[in-house]
Amino acid sequence: MKMLRAAACAAMTMLLAAAITSCGNKEEAKVAKAAENAVEKVAIDVKAKAEAGAKAAEALVKEGEAREGAIDAYMYSYPLVTMELTRRVMTNVPAPEGTRAPMGQFVEARNFRMNADGSVDLYI
C-alpha cells in the first residue's frame, strides 16, 4: 500500500510539474498526456509487483501446508512400515529356528537378552 501511495505521489508530482512548466504554452495538452501516460505506467508496474508478491506469498503457504502434510504422513506411516519390515524378516524362514518362525507358528523364547546399545534380543 505504501508503495502504491509513493508511486501515485511521484506520478502526481510529475503531472503538476509538467502542468506548471507548460502554463500558457500551446503544448500543454501534449505534456498532460505524457504525464497521464507516466501515471498509468507507474500504476501498472505497482499492480504487477503487488500481484507477484501475492503469488509468492501463496506459494509459501502451499509449501508450508505440503511440508506439514509430509511430516504427518511420516509420523503416521513410519511405525507401520517398521513393523511390516520386522514381520517380514522374522517370518522369512521355512521352519522355526532360533528366534524366527514362519507365519502362524510360535517360537519359544525363554529369556530376553539386553544388548549394550539398549536393544533386546530373544534367545533360547
PDB file of N, CA and C in Angstrom:
ATOM      1  N   MET A   1       0.831  -1.183   0.000  1.00  0.00           N
ATOM      2  CA  MET A   1       0.000   0.000   0.000  1.00  0.00           C
ATOM      3  C   MET A   1       0.875   1.246   0.000  1.00  0.00           C
ATOM      4  N   LYS A   2       1.969   1.218   0.788  1.00  0.00           N
ATOM      5  CA  LYS A   2       2.870   2.364   0.836  1.00  0.00           C
ATOM      6  C   LYS A   2       3.523   2.581  -0.517  1.00  0.00           C
ATOM      7  N   MET A   3       3.844   1.466  -1.188  1.00  0.00           N
ATOM      8  CA  MET A   3       4.479   1.561  -2.498  1.00  0.00           C
ATOM      9  C   MET A   3       3.518   2.195  -3.499  1.00  0.00           C
ATOM     10  N   LEU A   4       2.234   1.838  -3.400  1.00  0.00           N
ATOM     11  CA  LEU A   4       1.228   2.403  -4.290  1.00  0.00           C
ATOM     12  C   LEU A   4       1.073   3.900  -4.038  1.00  0.00           C
ATOM     13  N   ARG A   5       1.071   4.302  -2.772  1.00  0.00           N
ATOM     14  CA  ARG A   5       0.952   5.723  -2.449  1.00  0.00           C
ATOM     15  C   ARG A   5       2.165   6.503  -2.956  1.00  0.00           C
ATOM     16  N   ALA A   6       3.337   5.936  -2.765  1.00  0.00           N
ATOM     17  CA  ALA A   6       4.559   6.605  -3.216  1.00  0.00           C
ATOM     18  C   ALA A   6       4.562   6.758  -4.730  1.00  0.00           C
ATOM     19  N   ALA A   7       4.133   5.721  -5.431  1.00  0.00           N
ATOM     20  CA  ALA A   7       4.085   5.776  -6.896  1.00  0.00           C
ATOM     21  C   ALA A   7       3.061   6.811  -7.357  1.00  0.00           C
ATOM     22  N   ALA A   8       1.921   6.852  -6.688  1.00  0.00           N
ATOM     23  CA  ALA A   8       0.890   7.817  -7.050  1.00  0.00           C
ATOM     24  C   ALA A   8       1.376   9.244  -6.778  1.00  0.00           C
ATOM     25  N   CYS A   9       2.068   9.438  -5.650  1.00  0.00           N
ATOM     26  CA  CYS A   9       2.608  10.766  -5.336  1.00  0.00           C
ATOM     27  C   CYS A   9       3.651  11.193  -6.356  1.00  0.00           C
ATOM     28  N   ALA A  10       4.497  10.275  -6.764  1.00  0.00           N
ATOM     29  CA  ALA A  10       5.522  10.592  -7.763  1.00  0.00           C
ATOM     30  C   ALA A  10       4.872  10.955  -9.094  1.00  0.00           C
ATOM     31  N   ALA A  11       3.850  10.204  -9.461  1.00  0.00           N
ATOM     32  CA  ALA A  11       3.170  10.476 -10.726  1.00  0.00           C
ATOM     33  C   ALA A  11       2.456  11.827 -10.677  1.00  0.00           C
ATOM     34  N   MET A  12       1.811  12.120  -9.562  1.00  0.00           N
ATOM     35  CA  MET A  12       1.109  13.397  -9.437  1.00  0.00           C
ATOM     36  C   MET A  12       2.113  14.555  -9.442  1.00  0.00           C
ATOM     37  N   THR A  13       3.258  14.374  -8.818  1.00  0.00           N
ATOM     38  CA  THR A  13       4.290  15.409  -8.816  1.00  0.00           C
ATOM     39  C   THR A  13       4.765  15.680 -10.228  1.00  0.00           C
ATOM     40  N   MET A  14       4.967  14.604 -10.997  1.00  0.00           N
ATOM     41  CA  MET A  14       5.379  14.784 -12.395  1.00  0.00           C
ATOM     42  C   MET A  14       4.304  15.513 -13.187  1.00  0.00           C
ATOM     43  N   LEU A  15       3.052  15.149 -12.933  1.00  0.00           N
ATOM     44  CA  LEU A  15       1.931  15.788 -13.631  1.00  0.00           C
ATOM     45  C   LEU A  15       1.859  17.279 -13.288  1.00  0.00           C
ATOM     46  N   LEU A  16       1.983  17.609 -12.007  1.00  0.00           N
ATOM     47  CA  LEU A  16       1.933  19.017 -11.596  1.00  0.00           C
ATOM     48  C   LEU A  16       3.127  19.801 -12.131  1.00  0.00           C
ATOM     49  N   ALA A  17       4.301  19.201 -12.092  1.00  0.00           N
ATOM     50  CA  ALA A  17       5.487  19.886 -12.611  1.00  0.00           C
ATOM     51  C   ALA A  17       5.335  20.154 -14.106  1.00  0.00           C
ATOM     52  N   ALA A  18       4.808  19.204 -14.821  1.00  0.00           N
ATOM     53  CA  ALA A  18       4.604  19.379 -16.259  1.00  0.00           C
ATOM     54  C   ALA A  18       3.561  20.462 -16.517  1.00  0.00           C
ATOM     55  N   ALA A  19       2.517  20.481 -15.706  1.00  0.00           N
ATOM     56  CA  ALA A  19       1.475  21.476 -15.888  1.00  0.00           C
ATOM     57  C   ALA A  19       1.989  22.884 -15.567  1.00  0.00           C
ATOM     58  N   ILE A  20       2.789  23.015 -14.519  1.00  0.00           N
ATOM     59  CA  ILE A  20       3.314  24.331 -14.130  1.00  0.00           C
ATOM     60  C   ILE A  20       4.300  24.846 -15.171  1.00  0.00           C
ATOM     61  N   THR A  21       5.169  23.994 -15.653  1.00  0.00           N
ATOM     62  CA  THR A  21       6.168  24.457 -16.620  1.00  0.00           C
ATOM     63  C   THR A  21       5.546  24.770 -17.971  1.00  0.00           C
ATOM     64  N   SER A  22       4.407  24.178 -18.247  1.00  0.00           N
ATOM     65  CA  SER A  22       3.807  24.420 -19.563  1.00  0.00           C
ATOM     66  C   SER A  22       2.643  25.414 -19.517  1.00  0.00           C
ATOM     67  N   CYS A  23       2.488  26.123 -18.412  1.00  0.00           N
ATOM     68  CA  CYS A  23       1.413  27.109 -18.302  1.00  0.00           C
ATOM     69  C   CYS A  23       1.554  28.150 -19.424  1.00  0.00           C
ATOM     70  N   GLY A  24       0.496  28.343 -20.126  1.00  0.00           N
ATOM     71  CA  GLY A  24       0.480  29.348 -21.177  1.00  0.00           C
ATOM     72  C   GLY A  24       1.039  28.841 -22.495  1.00  0.00           C
ATOM     73  N   ASN A  25       1.581  27.663 -22.543  1.00  0.00           N
ATOM     74  CA  ASN A  25       2.109  27.138 -23.801  1.00  0.00           C
ATOM     75  C   ASN A  25       1.030  26.380 -24.554  1.00  0.00           C
ATOM     76  N   LYS A  26       1.235  26.264 -25.831  1.00  0.00           N
ATOM     77  CA  LYS A  26       0.273  25.537 -26.659  1.00  0.00           C
ATOM     78  C   LYS A  26       0.447  24.025 -26.509  1.00  0.00           C
ATOM     79  N   GLU A  27       1.576  23.625 -26.014  1.00  0.00           N
ATOM     80  CA  GLU A  27       1.845  22.203 -25.911  1.00  0.00           C
ATOM     81  C   GLU A  27       1.383  21.622 -24.567  1.00  0.00           C
ATOM     82  N   GLU A  28       0.552  22.330 -23.878  1.00  0.00           N
ATOM     83  CA  GLU A  28       0.083  21.892 -22.572  1.00  0.00           C
ATOM     84  C   GLU A  28      -0.634  20.544 -22.658  1.00  0.00           C
ATOM     85  N   ALA A  29      -1.424  20.332 -23.676  1.00  0.00           N
ATOM     86  CA  ALA A  29      -2.160  19.086 -23.838  1.00  0.00           C
ATOM     87  C   ALA A  29      -1.199  17.913 -24.024  1.00  0.00           C
ATOM     88  N   LYS A  30      -0.107  18.138 -24.789  1.00  0.00           N
ATOM     89  CA  LYS A  30       0.859  17.062 -25.010  1.00  0.00           C
ATOM     90  C   LYS A  30       1.551  16.687 -23.706  1.00  0.00           C
ATOM     91  N   VAL A  31       1.911  17.686 -22.937  1.00  0.00           N
ATOM     92  CA  VAL A  31       2.592  17.439 -21.669  1.00  0.00           C
ATOM     93  C   VAL A  31       1.647  16.715 -20.708  1.00  0.00           C
ATOM     94  N   ALA A  32       0.391  17.132 -20.683  1.00  0.00           N
ATOM     95  CA  ALA A  32      -0.583  16.487 -19.805  1.00  0.00           C
ATOM     96  C   ALA A  32      -0.766  15.027 -20.189  1.00  0.00           C
ATOM     97  N   LYS A  33      -0.826  14.731 -21.502  1.00  0.00           N
ATOM     98  CA  LYS A  33      -0.968  13.345 -21.957  1.00  0.00           C
ATOM     99  C   LYS A  33       0.253  12.521 -21.580  1.00  0.00           C
ATOM    100  N   ALA A  34       1.424  13.110 -21.728  1.00  0.00           N
ATOM    101  CA  ALA A  34       2.653  12.406 -21.365  1.00  0.00           C
ATOM    102  C   ALA A  34       2.666  12.093 -19.872  1.00  0.00           C
ATOM    103  N   ALA A  35       2.222  13.050 -19.069  1.00  0.00           N
ATOM    104  CA  ALA A  35       2.170  12.845 -17.622  1.00  0.00           C
ATOM    105  C   ALA A  35       1.151  11.761 -17.269  1.00  0.00           C
ATOM    106  N   GLU A  36      -0.002  11.773 -17.934  1.00  0.00           N
ATOM    107  CA  GLU A  36      -1.017  10.744 -17.690  1.00  0.00           C
ATOM    108  C   GLU A  36      -0.492   9.363 -18.071  1.00  0.00           C
ATOM    109  N   ASN A  37       0.241   9.297 -19.182  1.00  0.00           N
ATOM    110  CA  ASN A  37       0.831   8.022 -19.601  1.00  0.00           C
ATOM    111  C   ASN A  37       1.839   7.527 -18.565  1.00  0.00           C
ATOM    112  N   ALA A  38       2.605   8.466 -18.015  1.00  0.00           N
ATOM    113  CA  ALA A  38       3.577   8.095 -16.988  1.00  0.00           C
ATOM    114  C   ALA A  38       2.869   7.568 -15.746  1.00  0.00           C
ATOM    115  N   VAL A  39       1.766   8.207 -15.382  1.00  0.00           N
ATOM    116  CA  VAL A  39       0.990   7.766 -14.219  1.00  0.00           C
ATOM    117  C   VAL A  39       0.447   6.362 -14.469  1.00  0.00           C
ATOM    118  N   GLU A  40      -0.062   6.113 -15.668  1.00  0.00           N
ATOM    119  CA  GLU A  40      -0.608   4.794 -15.994  1.00  0.00           C
ATOM    120  C   GLU A  40       0.479   3.722 -15.941  1.00  0.00           C
ATOM    121  N   LYS A  41       1.674   4.045 -16.454  1.00  0.00           N
ATOM    122  CA  LYS A  41       2.770   3.076 -16.429  1.00  0.00           C
ATOM    123  C   LYS A  41       3.169   2.743 -15.001  1.00  0.00           C
ATOM    124  N   VAL A  42       3.239   3.766 -14.156  1.00  0.00           N
ATOM    125  CA  VAL A  42       3.602   3.532 -12.761  1.00  0.00           C
ATOM    126  C   VAL A  42       2.538   2.677 -12.081  1.00  0.00           C
ATOM    127  N   ALA A  43       1.270   2.972 -12.352  1.00  0.00           N
ATOM    128  CA  ALA A  43       0.182   2.199 -11.746  1.00  0.00           C
ATOM    129  C   ALA A  43       0.235   0.743 -12.201  1.00  0.00           C
ATOM    130  N   ILE A  44       0.527   0.502 -13.471  1.00  0.00           N
ATOM    131  CA  ILE A  44       0.626  -0.862 -13.989  1.00  0.00           C
ATOM    132  C   ILE A  44       1.788  -1.597 -13.343  1.00  0.00           C
ATOM    133  N   ASP A  45       2.927  -0.920 -13.192  1.00  0.00           N
ATOM    134  CA  ASP A  45       4.097  -1.538 -12.558  1.00  0.00           C
ATOM    135  C   ASP A  45       3.813  -1.904 -11.097  1.00  0.00           C
ATOM    136  N   VAL A  46       3.159  -0.991 -10.388  1.00  0.00           N
ATOM    137  CA  VAL A  46       2.845  -1.242  -8.981  1.00  0.00           C
ATOM    138  C   VAL A  46       1.882  -2.416  -8.853  1.00  0.00           C
ATOM    139  N   LYS A  47       0.894  -2.466  -9.732  1.00  0.00           N
ATOM    140  CA  LYS A  47      -0.078  -3.553  -9.706  1.00  0.00           C
ATOM    141  C   LYS A  47       0.603  -4.889 -10.001  1.00  0.00           C
ATOM    142  N   ALA A  48       1.508  -4.909 -10.976  1.00  0.00           N
ATOM    143  CA  ALA A  48       2.223  -6.139 -11.318  1.00  0.00           C
ATOM    144  C   ALA A  48       3.078  -6.618 -10.151  1.00  0.00           C
ATOM    145  N   LYS A  49       3.763  -5.671  -9.476  1.00  0.00           N
ATOM    146  CA  LYS A  49       4.587  -6.046  -8.328  1.00  0.00           C
ATOM    147  C   LYS A  49       3.732  -6.578  -7.183  1.00  0.00           C
ATOM    148  N   ALA A  50       2.569  -5.980  -6.961  1.00  0.00           N
ATOM    149  CA  ALA A  50       1.676  -6.445  -5.901  1.00  0.00           C
ATOM    150  C   ALA A  50       1.166  -7.852  -6.196  1.00  0.00           C
ATOM    151  N   GLU A  51       0.817  -8.109  -7.457  1.00  0.00           N
ATOM    152  CA  GLU A  51       0.344  -9.442  -7.840  1.00  0.00           C
ATOM    153  C   GLU A  51       1.461 -10.475  -7.693  1.00  0.00           C
ATOM    154  N   ALA A  52       2.675 -10.100  -8.064  1.00  0.00           N
ATOM    155  CA  ALA A  52       3.808 -11.021  -7.925  1.00  0.00           C
ATOM    156  C   ALA A  52       4.056 -11.336  -6.452  1.00  0.00           C
ATOM    157  N   GLY A  53       3.952 -10.330  -5.603  1.00  0.00           N
ATOM    158  CA  GLY A  53       4.120 -10.556  -4.165  1.00  0.00           C
ATOM    159  C   GLY A  53       3.039 -11.465  -3.598  1.00  0.00           C
ATOM    160  N   ALA A  54       1.803 -11.286  -4.068  1.00  0.00           N
ATOM    161  CA  ALA A  54       0.706 -12.135  -3.608  1.00  0.00           C
ATOM    162  C   ALA A  54       0.914 -13.582  -4.051  1.00  0.00           C
ATOM    163  N   LYS A  55       1.395 -13.775  -5.287  1.00  0.00           N
ATOM    164  CA  LYS A  55       1.650 -15.134  -5.778  1.00  0.00           C
ATOM    165  C   LYS A  55       2.773 -15.787  -4.984  1.00  0.00           C
ATOM    166  N   ALA A  56       3.804 -15.029  -4.652  1.00  0.00           N
ATOM    167  CA  ALA A  56       4.913 -15.572  -3.866  1.00  0.00           C
ATOM    168  C   ALA A  56       4.437 -15.977  -2.471  1.00  0.00           C
ATOM    169  N   ALA A  57       3.605 -15.150  -1.862  1.00  0.00           N
ATOM    170  CA  ALA A  57       3.072 -15.473  -0.539  1.00  0.00           C
ATOM    171  C   ALA A  57       2.198 -16.717  -0.593  1.00  0.00           C
ATOM    172  N   GLU A  58       1.402 -16.842  -1.633  1.00  0.00           N
ATOM    173  CA  GLU A  58       0.544 -18.018  -1.804  1.00  0.00           C
ATOM    174  C   GLU A  58       1.383 -19.284  -1.986  1.00  0.00           C
ATOM    175  N   ALA A  59       2.476 -19.167  -2.735  1.00  0.00           N
ATOM    176  CA  ALA A  59       3.365 -20.317  -2.936  1.00  0.00           C
ATOM    177  C   ALA A  59       3.997 -20.742  -1.623  1.00  0.00           C
ATOM    178  N   LEU A  60       4.378 -19.781  -0.780  1.00  0.00           N
ATOM    179  CA  LEU A  60       4.957 -20.116   0.521  1.00  0.00           C
ATOM    180  C   LEU A  60       3.944 -20.825   1.418  1.00  0.00           C
ATOM    181  N   VAL A  61       2.690 -20.377   1.358  1.00  0.00           N
ATOM    182  CA  VAL A  61       1.644 -21.015   2.157  1.00  0.00           C
ATOM    183  C   VAL A  61       1.445 -22.453   1.687  1.00  0.00           C
ATOM    184  N   LYS A  62       1.389 -22.663   0.365  1.00  0.00           N
ATOM    185  CA  LYS A  62       1.206 -24.019  -0.168  1.00  0.00           C
ATOM    186  C   LYS A  62       2.385 -24.912   0.212  1.00  0.00           C
ATOM    187  N   GLU A  63       3.599 -24.363   0.163  1.00  0.00           N
ATOM    188  CA  GLU A  63       4.783 -25.136   0.527  1.00  0.00           C
ATOM    189  C   GLU A  63       4.728 -25.538   2.003  1.00  0.00           C
ATOM    190  N   GLY A  64       4.299 -24.608   2.853  1.00  0.00           N
ATOM    191  CA  GLY A  64       4.181 -24.913   4.278  1.00  0.00           C
ATOM    192  C   GLY A  64       3.143 -25.987   4.547  1.00  0.00           C
ATOM    193  N   GLU A  65       2.002 -25.924   3.855  1.00  0.00           N
ATOM    194  CA  GLU A  65       0.968 -26.941   4.016  1.00  0.00           C
ATOM    195  C   GLU A  65       1.465 -28.297   3.534  1.00  0.00           C
ATOM    196  N   ALA A  66       2.198 -28.321   2.436  1.00  0.00           N
ATOM    197  CA  ALA A  66       2.742 -29.582   1.927  1.00  0.00           C
ATOM    198  C   ALA A  66       3.739 -30.169   2.910  1.00  0.00           C
ATOM    199  N   ARG A  67       4.566 -29.318   3.504  1.00  0.00           N
ATOM    200  CA  ARG A  67       5.551 -29.794   4.483  1.00  0.00           C
ATOM    201  C   ARG A  67       4.862 -30.385   5.701  1.00  0.00           C
ATOM    202  N   GLU A  68       3.830 -29.708   6.204  1.00  0.00           N
ATOM    203  CA  GLU A  68       3.094 -30.220   7.361  1.00  0.00           C
ATOM    204  C   GLU A  68       2.439 -31.558   7.039  1.00  0.00           C
ATOM    205  N   GLY A  69       1.874 -31.680   5.843  1.00  0.00           N
ATOM    206  CA  GLY A  69       1.264 -32.947   5.434  1.00  0.00           C
ATOM    207  C   GLY A  69       2.281 -34.066   5.334  1.00  0.00           C
ATOM    208  N   ALA A  70       3.457 -33.753   4.820  1.00  0.00           N
ATOM    209  CA  ALA A  70       4.509 -34.768   4.711  1.00  0.00           C
ATOM    210  C   ALA A  70       4.978 -35.224   6.094  1.00  0.00           C
ATOM    211  N   ILE A  71       5.097 -34.295   7.019  1.00  0.00           N
ATOM    212  CA  ILE A  71       5.516 -34.647   8.383  1.00  0.00           C
ATOM    213  C   ILE A  71       4.462 -35.541   9.042  1.00  0.00           C
ATOM    214  N   ASP A  72       3.188 -35.183   8.883  1.00  0.00           N
ATOM    215  CA  ASP A  72       2.117 -36.002   9.453  1.00  0.00           C
ATOM    216  C   ASP A  72       2.110 -37.403   8.852  1.00  0.00           C
ATOM    217  N   ALA A  73       2.281 -37.495   7.535  1.00  0.00           N
ATOM    218  CA  ALA A  73       2.300 -38.795   6.872  1.00  0.00           C
ATOM    219  C   ALA A  73       3.471 -39.634   7.355  1.00  0.00           C
ATOM    220  N   TYR A  74       4.623 -39.031   7.524  1.00  0.00           N
ATOM    221  CA  TYR A  74       5.807 -39.759   8.003  1.00  0.00           C
ATOM    222  C   TYR A  74       5.578 -40.270   9.421  1.00  0.00           C
ATOM    223  N   MET A  75       5.059 -39.411  10.284  1.00  0.00           N
ATOM    224  CA  MET A  75       4.850 -39.810  11.681  1.00  0.00           C
ATOM    225  C   MET A  75       3.819 -40.930  11.793  1.00  0.00           C
ATOM    226  N   TYR A  76       2.826 -40.941  10.907  1.00  0.00           N
ATOM    227  CA  TYR A  76       1.816 -41.987  10.944  1.00  0.00           C
ATOM    228  C   TYR A  76       2.339 -43.287  10.342  1.00  0.00           C
ATOM    229  N   SER A  77       3.030 -43.219   9.218  1.00  0.00           N
ATOM    230  CA  SER A  77       3.377 -44.429   8.475  1.00  0.00           C
ATOM    231  C   SER A  77       4.693 -45.068   8.911  1.00  0.00           C
ATOM    232  N   TYR A  78       5.603 -44.356   9.529  1.00  0.00           N
ATOM    233  CA  TYR A  78       6.899 -44.937   9.890  1.00  0.00           C
ATOM    234  C   TYR A  78       6.763 -46.163  10.793  1.00  0.00           C
ATOM    235  N   PRO A  79       5.973 -46.104  11.866  1.00  0.00           N
ATOM    236  CA  PRO A  79       5.830 -47.311  12.699  1.00  0.00           C
ATOM    237  C   PRO A  79       5.201 -48.476  11.932  1.00  0.00           C
ATOM    238  N   LEU A  80       4.256 -48.178  11.047  1.00  0.00           N
ATOM    239  CA  LEU A  80       3.630 -49.250  10.274  1.00  0.00           C
ATOM    240  C   LEU A  80       4.626 -49.927   9.346  1.00  0.00           C
ATOM    241  N   VAL A  81       5.440 -49.136   8.692  1.00  0.00           N
ATOM    242  CA  VAL A  81       6.444 -49.688   7.784  1.00  0.00           C
ATOM    243  C   VAL A  81       7.486 -50.476   8.564  1.00  0.00           C
ATOM    244  N   THR A  82       7.917 -49.959   9.704  1.00  0.00           N
ATOM    245  CA  THR A  82       8.904 -50.647  10.530  1.00  0.00           C
ATOM    246  C   THR A  82       8.357 -51.991  11.017  1.00  0.00           C
ATOM    247  N   MET A  83       7.099 -52.013  11.442  1.00  0.00           N
ATOM    248  CA  MET A  83       6.502 -53.274  11.886  1.00  0.00           C
ATOM    249  C   MET A  83       6.424 -54.282  10.741  1.00  0.00           C
ATOM    250  N   GLU A  84       6.054 -53.834   9.570  1.00  0.00           N
ATOM    251  CA  GLU A  84       5.945 -54.739   8.420  1.00  0.00           C
ATOM    252  C   GLU A  84       7.314 -55.310   8.053  1.00  0.00           C
ATOM    253  N   LEU A  85       8.342 -54.469   8.045  1.00  0.00           N
ATOM    254  CA  LEU A  85       9.685 -54.970   7.735  1.00  0.00           C
ATOM    255  C   LEU A  85      10.159 -55.962   8.794  1.00  0.00           C
ATOM    256  N   THR A  86       9.874 -55.694  10.058  1.00  0.00           N
ATOM    257  CA  THR A  86      10.250 -56.620  11.125  1.00  0.00           C
ATOM    258  C   THR A  86       9.520 -57.946  10.954  1.00  0.00           C
ATOM    259  N   ARG A  87       8.239 -57.896  10.639  1.00  0.00           N
ATOM    260  CA  ARG A  87       7.473 -59.120  10.420  1.00  0.00           C
ATOM    261  C   ARG A  87       8.062 -59.932   9.279  1.00  0.00           C
ATOM    262  N   ARG A  88       8.413 -59.281   8.188  1.00  0.00           N
ATOM    263  CA  ARG A  88       8.968 -59.998   7.038  1.00  0.00           C
ATOM    264  C   ARG A  88      10.300 -60.656   7.386  1.00  0.00           C
ATOM    265  N   VAL A  89      11.149 -59.948   8.122  1.00  0.00           N
ATOM    266  CA  VAL A  89      12.447 -60.512   8.491  1.00  0.00           C
ATOM    267  C   VAL A  89      12.266 -61.685   9.457  1.00  0.00           C
ATOM    268  N   MET A  90      11.386 -61.532  10.435  1.00  0.00           N
ATOM    269  CA  MET A  90      11.209 -62.555  11.463  1.00  0.00           C
ATOM    270  C   MET A  90      10.471 -63.792  10.946  1.00  0.00           C
ATOM    271  N   THR A  91       9.714 -63.689   9.859  1.00  0.00           N
ATOM    272  CA  THR A  91       8.938 -64.834   9.370  1.00  0.00           C
ATOM    273  C   THR A  91       9.444 -65.364   8.037  1.00  0.00           C
ATOM    274  N   ASN A  92      10.585 -64.929   7.593  1.00  0.00           N
ATOM    275  CA  ASN A  92      11.104 -65.356   6.295  1.00  0.00           C
ATOM    276  C   ASN A  92      12.031 -66.567   6.451  1.00  0.00           C
ATOM    277  N   VAL A  93      11.502 -67.607   7.071  1.00  0.00           N
ATOM    278  CA  VAL A  93      12.246 -68.861   7.237  1.00  0.00           C
ATOM    279  C   VAL A  93      11.297 -70.024   6.932  1.00  0.00           C
ATOM    280  N   PRO A  94      11.827 -71.172   6.440  1.00  0.00           N
ATOM    281  CA  PRO A  94      10.932 -72.300   6.111  1.00  0.00           C
ATOM    282  C   PRO A  94      10.455 -73.061   7.351  1.00  0.00           C
ATOM    283  N   ALA A  95      11.256 -73.082   8.410  1.00  0.00           N
ATOM    284  CA  ALA A  95      10.885 -73.807   9.631  1.00  0.00           C
ATOM    285  C   ALA A  95      11.364 -72.985  10.828  1.00  0.00           C
ATOM    286  N   PRO A  96      10.741 -73.207  12.003  1.00  0.00           N
ATOM    287  CA  PRO A  96      11.172 -72.460  13.190  1.00  0.00           C
ATOM    288  C   PRO A  96      12.636 -72.745  13.516  1.00  0.00           C
ATOM    289  N   GLU A  97      13.390 -71.684  13.716  1.00  0.00           N
ATOM    290  CA  GLU A  97      14.796 -71.806  14.084  1.00  0.00           C
ATOM    291  C   GLU A  97      15.212 -70.558  14.849  1.00  0.00           C
ATOM    292  N   GLY A  98      15.821 -70.747  15.982  1.00  0.00           N
ATOM    293  CA  GLY A  98      16.283 -69.624  16.784  1.00  0.00           C
ATOM    294  C   GLY A  98      15.128 -68.723  17.213  1.00  0.00           C
ATOM    295  N   THR A  99      15.200 -67.465  16.844  1.00  0.00           N
ATOM    296  CA  THR A  99      14.147 -66.503  17.206  1.00  0.00           C
ATOM    297  C   THR A  99      13.216 -66.203  16.050  1.00  0.00           C
ATOM    298  N   ARG A 100      13.278 -67.032  15.015  1.00  0.00           N
ATOM    299  CA  ARG A 100      12.436 -66.791  13.829  1.00  0.00           C
ATOM    300  C   ARG A 100      11.592 -68.020  13.524  1.00  0.00           C
ATOM    301  N   ALA A 101      10.397 -67.729  12.994  1.00  0.00           N
ATOM    302  CA  ALA A 101       9.498 -68.818  12.601  1.00  0.00           C
ATOM    303  C   ALA A 101       8.592 -68.312  11.494  1.00  0.00           C
ATOM    304  N   PRO A 102       8.067 -69.236  10.660  1.00  0.00           N
ATOM    305  CA  PRO A 102       7.132 -68.814   9.616  1.00  0.00           C
ATOM    306  C   PRO A 102       5.839 -68.260  10.229  1.00  0.00           C
ATOM    307  N   MET A 103       5.059 -67.593   9.429  1.00  0.00           N
ATOM    308  CA  MET A 103       3.774 -67.051   9.888  1.00  0.00           C
ATOM    309  C   MET A 103       2.902 -68.181  10.411  1.00  0.00           C
ATOM    310  N   GLY A 104       2.231 -67.945  11.520  1.00  0.00           N
ATOM    311  CA  GLY A 104       1.303 -68.926  12.082  1.00  0.00           C
ATOM    312  C   GLY A 104       1.975 -69.952  12.976  1.00  0.00           C
ATOM    313  N   GLN A 105       3.275 -69.840  13.228  1.00  0.00           N
ATOM    314  CA  GLN A 105       3.971 -70.771  14.112  1.00  0.00           C
ATOM    315  C   GLN A 105       4.617 -69.968  15.244  1.00  0.00           C
ATOM    316  N   PHE A 106       4.782 -70.627  16.372  1.00  0.00           N
ATOM    317  CA  PHE A 106       5.337 -69.960  17.546  1.00  0.00           C
ATOM    318  C   PHE A 106       6.822 -70.263  17.701  1.00  0.00           C
ATOM    319  N   VAL A 107       7.510 -69.331  18.346  1.00  0.00           N
ATOM    320  CA  VAL A 107       8.909 -69.517  18.712  1.00  0.00           C
ATOM    321  C   VAL A 107       8.954 -69.484  20.233  1.00  0.00           C
ATOM    322  N   GLU A 108       9.699 -70.430  20.830  1.00  0.00           N
ATOM    323  CA  GLU A 108       9.801 -70.456  22.277  1.00  0.00           C
ATOM    324  C   GLU A 108      11.037 -69.671  22.697  1.00  0.00           C
ATOM    325  N   ALA A 109      10.811 -68.484  23.222  1.00  0.00           N
ATOM    326  CA  ALA A 109      11.912 -67.646  23.699  1.00  0.00           C
ATOM    327  C   ALA A 109      11.860 -67.657  25.215  1.00  0.00           C
ATOM    328  N   ARG A 110      12.860 -68.281  25.849  1.00  0.00           N
ATOM    329  CA  ARG A 110      12.837 -68.450  27.303  1.00  0.00           C
ATOM    330  C   ARG A 110      13.303 -67.185  28.031  1.00  0.00           C
ATOM    331  N   ASN A 111      14.220 -66.432  27.445  1.00  0.00           N
ATOM    332  CA  ASN A 111      14.786 -65.254  28.121  1.00  0.00           C
ATOM    333  C   ASN A 111      14.934 -64.100  27.136  1.00  0.00           C
ATOM    334  N   PHE A 112      15.101 -62.919  27.696  1.00  0.00           N
ATOM    335  CA  PHE A 112      15.420 -61.744  26.904  1.00  0.00           C
ATOM    336  C   PHE A 112      16.836 -61.336  27.247  1.00  0.00           C
ATOM    337  N   ARG A 113      17.587 -60.934  26.271  1.00  0.00           N
ATOM    338  CA  ARG A 113      18.960 -60.509  26.494  1.00  0.00           C
ATOM    339  C   ARG A 113      19.075 -59.030  26.121  1.00  0.00           C
ATOM    340  N   MET A 114      19.636 -58.223  26.998  1.00  0.00           N
ATOM    341  CA  MET A 114      19.805 -56.799  26.761  1.00  0.00           C
ATOM    342  C   MET A 114      21.179 -56.561  26.149  1.00  0.00           C
ATOM    343  N   ASN A 115      21.215 -55.898  25.008  1.00  0.00           N
ATOM    344  CA  ASN A 115      22.478 -55.559  24.360  1.00  0.00           C
ATOM    345  C   ASN A 115      23.061 -54.299  24.977  1.00  0.00           C
ATOM    346  N   ALA A 116      24.307 -53.987  24.643  1.00  0.00           N
ATOM    347  CA  ALA A 116      24.977 -52.796  25.167  1.00  0.00           C
ATOM    348  C   ALA A 116      24.295 -51.521  24.691  1.00  0.00           C
ATOM    349  N   ASP A 117      23.671 -51.557  23.486  1.00  0.00           N
ATOM    350  CA  ASP A 117      23.023 -50.352  22.969  1.00  0.00           C
ATOM    351  C   ASP A 117      21.598 -50.191  23.478  1.00  0.00           C
ATOM    352  N   GLY A 118      21.138 -51.078  24.347  1.00  0.00           N
ATOM    353  CA  GLY A 118      19.811 -50.950  24.934  1.00  0.00           C
ATOM    354  C   GLY A 118      18.751 -51.745  24.206  1.00  0.00           C
ATOM    355  N   SER A 119      19.082 -52.386  23.083  1.00  0.00           N
ATOM    356  CA  SER A 119      18.091 -53.173  22.361  1.00  0.00           C
ATOM    357  C   SER A 119      17.975 -54.557  22.997  1.00  0.00           C
ATOM    358  N   VAL A 120      16.882 -55.220  22.742  1.00  0.00           N
ATOM    359  CA  VAL A 120      16.614 -56.522  23.347  1.00  0.00           C
ATOM    360  C   VAL A 120      16.667 -57.579  22.252  1.00  0.00           C
ATOM    361  N   ASP A 121      17.386 -58.669  22.531  1.00  0.00           N
ATOM    362  CA  ASP A 121      17.430 -59.827  21.645  1.00  0.00           C
ATOM    363  C   ASP A 121      16.745 -60.994  22.347  1.00  0.00           C
ATOM    364  N   LEU A 122      16.056 -61.793  21.585  1.00  0.00           N
ATOM    365  CA  LEU A 122      15.474 -63.019  22.120  1.00  0.00           C
ATOM    366  C   LEU A 122      16.458 -64.166  21.884  1.00  0.00           C
ATOM    367  N   TYR A 123      16.599 -65.019  22.840  1.00  0.00           N
ATOM    368  CA  TYR A 123      17.420 -66.219  22.614  1.00  0.00           C
ATOM    369  C   TYR A 123      16.795 -67.379  23.378  1.00  0.00           C
ATOM    370  N   ILE A 124      17.133 -68.549  22.906  1.00  0.00           N
ATOM    371  CA  ILE A 124      16.566 -69.748  23.510  1.00  0.00           C
ATOM    372  C   ILE A 124      17.629 -70.444  24.314  1.00  0.00           C
TER     373      ILE A 124
END
